[in-house]
Protein backbone atom coordinates (compact mmCIF):
# COMPACT_ATOMS: atom_id res chain seq x y z
CA MET A 1 0.00 0.00 0.00
CA GLY A 2 1.27 3.48 -0.88
CA LYS A 3 1.99 6.46 1.29
CA CYS A 4 -0.81 8.91 2.14
CA PRO A 5 0.52 12.29 3.30
CA GLU A 6 -1.65 13.81 6.01
CA ASP A 7 -1.73 17.30 4.43
CA LEU A 8 -3.49 16.06 1.28
CA TYR A 9 -7.11 15.22 0.50
CA TYR A 10 -8.15 12.25 -1.64
CA ILE A 11 -10.88 10.87 -3.89
CA ASP A 12 -11.72 7.22 -4.49
CA THR A 13 -10.32 7.29 -8.04
CA HIS A 14 -6.84 7.79 -6.50
CA GLN A 15 -6.23 11.47 -7.10
CA TRP A 16 -5.09 13.90 -4.41
CA ALA A 17 -5.50 17.63 -3.82
CA ARG A 18 -3.30 19.89 -1.73
CA PRO A 19 -4.87 23.23 -0.75
CA GLU A 20 -2.29 26.01 -1.12
CA SER A 21 -2.07 29.19 0.96
CA ASP A 22 -3.12 31.35 -2.03
CA GLY A 23 -6.52 29.66 -2.36
CA THR A 24 -5.49 27.34 -5.18
CA ALA A 25 -5.04 23.57 -5.06
CA THR A 26 -2.39 21.31 -6.54
CA VAL A 27 -3.60 17.98 -7.98
CA GLY A 28 -1.91 14.66 -8.76
CA ILE A 29 -2.32 10.90 -8.54
CA THR A 30 -1.59 8.91 -5.41
CA ASP A 31 1.34 6.66 -4.65
CA HIS A 32 -1.09 3.74 -4.75
CA ALA A 33 -2.17 4.71 -8.28
CA GLN A 34 1.36 5.04 -9.63
CA GLU A 35 2.32 1.69 -8.05
CA ALA A 36 -0.69 0.00 -9.66
CA LEU A 37 0.11 1.52 -13.06
CA GLY A 38 3.79 0.66 -13.08
CA ASP A 39 6.28 2.65 -15.15
CA VAL A 40 4.51 5.76 -16.45
CA VAL A 41 5.43 6.54 -20.07
CA TYR A 42 2.92 9.23 -21.11
CA VAL A 43 0.68 11.84 -19.49
CA GLU A 44 -2.12 13.90 -21.03
CA LEU A 45 -2.80 17.01 -18.98
CA PRO A 46 -5.60 19.58 -19.17
CA LYS A 47 -4.86 22.93 -20.79
CA VAL A 48 -4.23 26.09 -18.80
CA GLY A 49 -7.54 27.95 -18.79
CA ASP A 50 -9.70 24.79 -18.84
CA VAL A 51 -12.59 24.92 -16.38
CA VAL A 52 -13.11 21.55 -14.70
CA THR A 53 -15.74 20.19 -12.37
CA ALA A 54 -15.18 17.79 -9.52
CA SER A 55 -15.20 14.17 -10.74
CA SER A 56 -14.73 15.17 -14.40
CA GLN A 57 -11.96 13.59 -16.46
CA THR A 58 -8.99 15.93 -16.74
CA GLY A 59 -6.30 13.75 -18.27
CA ILE A 60 -4.83 10.35 -18.94
CA VAL A 61 -1.84 8.48 -17.54
CA GLU A 62 -0.34 5.67 -19.61
CA SER A 63 2.11 3.11 -18.33
CA VAL A 64 3.74 0.04 -19.76
CA LYS A 65 0.82 -1.94 -18.26
CA ALA A 66 -2.29 0.20 -18.69
CA ALA A 67 -3.91 3.56 -19.32
CA SER A 68 -5.97 5.28 -16.67
CA ASP A 69 -8.16 8.37 -16.64
CA VAL A 70 -7.34 11.19 -14.25
CA PHE A 71 -10.26 12.91 -12.51
CA ALA A 72 -10.54 16.31 -10.87
CA PRO A 73 -10.98 16.14 -7.10
CA LEU A 74 -12.27 19.74 -7.06
CA SER A 75 -13.91 22.24 -9.39
CA GLY A 76 -12.07 25.23 -10.75
CA LYS A 77 -9.95 26.72 -13.50
CA VAL A 78 -6.60 25.19 -14.46
CA ILE A 79 -3.97 27.89 -13.84
CA ALA A 80 -0.80 25.80 -14.29
CA ILE A 81 0.28 22.40 -15.54
CA ASN A 82 3.43 20.47 -14.69
CA GLU A 83 5.15 20.67 -18.07
CA ARG A 84 8.01 18.53 -16.74
CA LEU A 85 5.68 15.50 -17.01
CA ILE A 86 5.54 15.85 -20.80
CA ASP A 87 9.23 14.99 -21.14
CA GLN A 88 9.69 13.19 -17.82
CA PRO A 89 6.49 11.26 -17.04
CA GLU A 90 8.54 8.96 -14.81
CA SER A 91 8.54 11.83 -12.27
CA ILE A 92 5.11 10.49 -11.29
CA ASN A 93 6.66 7.18 -10.24
CA ASP A 94 9.60 8.84 -8.51
CA ASP A 95 7.69 11.47 -6.53
CA PRO A 96 3.87 11.40 -6.96
CA TYR A 97 3.30 13.98 -4.21
CA GLY A 98 6.12 16.35 -5.16
CA GLU A 99 7.76 16.64 -8.59
CA GLY A 100 5.03 14.43 -10.08
CA TRP A 101 2.12 16.83 -9.51
CA PHE A 102 -0.24 17.28 -12.50
CA TYR A 103 -1.90 20.72 -12.38
CA ARG A 104 -3.02 23.60 -10.18
CA LEU A 105 -6.57 24.85 -9.88
CA GLU A 106 -8.02 28.21 -8.98
CA LEU A 107 -10.89 26.82 -6.92
CA SER A 108 -14.44 27.80 -7.76
CA ASP A 109 -15.65 26.59 -4.34
CA ALA A 110 -13.05 26.01 -1.62
CA GLY A 111 -15.82 24.45 0.46
CA GLN A 112 -15.58 21.34 -1.74
CA ILE A 113 -12.40 20.37 0.11
CA ALA A 114 -14.60 19.29 3.04
CA SER A 115 -16.15 16.59 0.82
CA LEU A 116 -12.80 14.92 0.09
CA MET A 117 -11.30 12.04 2.06
CA SER A 118 -8.66 12.58 4.72
CA ALA A 119 -5.47 10.53 4.60
CA SER A 120 -6.86 8.11 7.20
CA ALA A 121 -10.11 7.65 5.26
CA TYR A 122 -8.18 7.06 2.02
CA SER A 123 -5.90 4.55 3.78
CA ALA A 124 -8.99 2.73 5.04
CA LEU A 125 -10.37 2.63 1.48
CA LEU A 126 -7.13 1.05 0.26
CA GLN A 127 -7.22 -1.57 2.98
CA GLY A 128 -10.72 -2.51 1.87
């Protein structure tokens, strides 16, 4: 089972969100997700300026084993993408909660964070 940092919030499709001090949120996939996928070889990210809604598909991660959709944990406008992932998708395997982040959102409703899972709830989900 993967690591679940306490300062992040999670959804059951294995994405995480980190609220930032400026009212935005950084989004990525969990350690569990990258372990299940194996070696990541390609990432499709949303475009800066895209408006996404919670639970909507925002990208794709492809590995040597499978392809998986990426879903938005929160609603908002994409204000930055991690361009490093285009040339170095393996960053997701190396550091899913740091260098392997996917995009940042300007939140349309910061109150949505309360609907996400805590690290302990996500860990419980993984343990079944």
